C-alpha atoms as a PDB file:
ATOM      1  CA  MET A   1      40.548   1.205  16.641  1.00  0.00           C
ATOM      2  CA  GLY A   2      37.374   2.559  15.001  1.00  0.00           C
ATOM      3  CA  LEU A   3      34.096   0.747  14.674  1.00  0.00           C
ATOM      4  CA  ALA A   4      33.751  -3.007  14.452  1.00  0.00           C
ATOM      5  CA  PRO A   5      32.221  -4.300  11.202  1.00  0.00           C
ATOM      6  CA  ALA A   6      29.163  -5.639  13.042  1.00  0.00           C
ATOM      7  CA  GLU A   7      28.590  -2.233  14.594  1.00  0.00           C
ATOM      8  CA  ILE A   8      28.947  -0.565  11.194  1.00  0.00           C
ATOM      9  CA  THR A   9      26.452  -2.890   9.538  1.00  0.00           C
ATOM     10  CA  GLY A  10      24.057  -2.551  12.464  1.00  0.00           C
ATOM     11  CA  ARG A  11      24.221   1.213  12.240  1.00  0.00           C
ATOM     12  CA  LEU A  12      23.718   1.116   8.475  1.00  0.00           C
ATOM     13  CA  GLY A  13      20.714  -1.146   8.948  1.00  0.00           C
ATOM     14  CA  LEU A  14      19.269   1.287  11.471  1.00  0.00           C
ATOM     15  CA  TYR A  15      19.773   4.202   9.091  1.00  0.00           C
ATOM     16  CA  ARG A  16      18.248   2.211   6.262  1.00  0.00           C
ATOM     17  CA  ALA A  17      15.205   1.266   8.342  1.00  0.00           C
ATOM     18  CA  THR A  18      14.766   4.872   9.467  1.00  0.00           C
ATOM     19  CA  PHE A  19      15.036   6.152   5.915  1.00  0.00           C
ATOM     20  CA  HIS A  20      12.606   3.504   4.668  1.00  0.00           C
ATOM     21  CA  CYS A  21      10.046   4.473   7.303  1.00  0.00           C
ATOM     22  CA  TYR A  22      10.543   8.147   6.494  1.00  0.00           C
ATOM     23  CA  SER A  23      10.153   7.627   2.763  1.00  0.00           C
ATOM     24  CA  LEU A  24       7.015   5.558   3.381  1.00  0.00           C
ATOM     25  CA  GLN A  25       5.546   8.408   5.412  1.00  0.00           C
ATOM     26  CA  VAL A  26       6.457  10.964   2.747  1.00  0.00           C
ATOM     27  CA  GLY A  27       4.987   8.741   0.046  1.00  0.00           C
ATOM     28  CA  THR A  28       1.744   8.390   1.972  1.00  0.00           C
ATOM     29  CA  LEU A  29       1.546  12.153   2.473  1.00  0.00           C
ATOM     30  CA  LEU A  30       2.186  12.731  -1.218  1.00  0.00           C
ATOM     31  CA  ASN A  31      -0.499  10.205  -2.150  1.00  0.00           C
ATOM     32  CA  ILE A  32      -3.040  11.888   0.134  1.00  0.00           C
ATOM     33  CA  TYR A  33      -2.065  15.306  -1.236  1.00  0.00           C
ATOM     34  CA  ASN A  34      -2.362  14.104  -4.834  1.00  0.00           C
ATOM     35  CA  LEU A  35      -5.773  12.556  -4.200  1.00  0.00           C
ATOM     36  CA  HIS A  36      -6.966  15.728  -2.500  1.00  0.00           C
ATOM     37  CA  THR A  37      -5.738  18.088  -5.197  1.00  0.00           C
ATOM     38  CA  SER A  38      -6.977  15.891  -8.049  1.00  0.00           C
ATOM     39  CA  SER A  39     -10.450  15.633  -6.534  1.00  0.00           C
ATOM     40  CA  ARG A  40     -10.503  19.390  -5.964  1.00  0.00           C
ATOM     41  CA  PHE A  41      -9.349  19.973  -9.527  1.00  0.00           C
ATOM     42  CA  PHE A  42     -12.024  17.594 -10.819  1.00  0.00           C
ATOM     43  CA  ILE A  43     -14.754  19.390  -8.870  1.00  0.00           C
ATOM     44  CA  LEU A  44     -13.534  22.793 -10.059  1.00  0.00           C
ATOM     45  CA  TRP A  45     -13.329  21.504 -13.632  1.00  0.00           C
ATOM     46  CA  TYR A  46     -16.849  20.129 -13.373  1.00  0.00           C
ATOM     47  CA  TYR A  47     -18.278  23.375 -12.029  1.00  0.00           C
ATOM     48  CA  ARG A  48     -16.360  25.394 -14.590  1.00  0.00           C
ATOM     49  CA  TYR A  49     -17.300  23.453 -17.710  1.00  0.00           C
ATOM     50  CA  LYS A  50     -20.387  21.526 -16.507  1.00  0.00           C
ATOM     51  CA  ILE A  51     -19.059  18.238 -17.842  1.00  0.00           C
ATOM     52  CA  PRO A  52     -21.563  15.422 -17.256  1.00  0.00           C
ATOM     53  CA  ILE A  53     -20.197  12.595 -15.147  1.00  0.00           C
ATOM     54  CA  PRO A  54     -21.119   9.194 -16.588  1.00  0.00           C
ATOM     55  CA  GLY A  55     -23.536   7.187 -14.520  1.00  0.00           C
ATOM     56  CA  GLN A  56     -24.847  10.146 -12.559  1.00  0.00           C
ATOM     57  CA  HIS A  57     -27.604  12.558 -13.502  1.00  0.00           C
ATOM     58  CA  TYR A  58     -27.442  16.179 -12.442  1.00  0.00           C
ATOM     59  CA  PRO A  59     -30.438  18.441 -13.148  1.00  0.00           C
ATOM     60  CA  LEU A  60     -28.288  21.135 -14.758  1.00  0.00           C
ATOM     61  CA  HIS A  61     -30.154  21.772 -17.994  1.00  0.00           C
ATOM     62  CA  GLN A  62     -33.669  21.287 -16.674  1.00  0.00           C
ATOM     63  CA  ASN A  63     -35.294  24.644 -16.108  1.00  0.00           C
END
């Protein structure tokens, strides 16, 4: 006779919970990756152009 409505909704809820958990994990990975790449880009940009960071003093131009 096919699936009962309760079984269908239960299965949909399980799929939805699984997908939600999966998307949370992917979002966390993307956040970590974005933080990592942006910090790396910032460091590379700083070393490339020697931009002074406010609030911190680097002895770059003191010979």
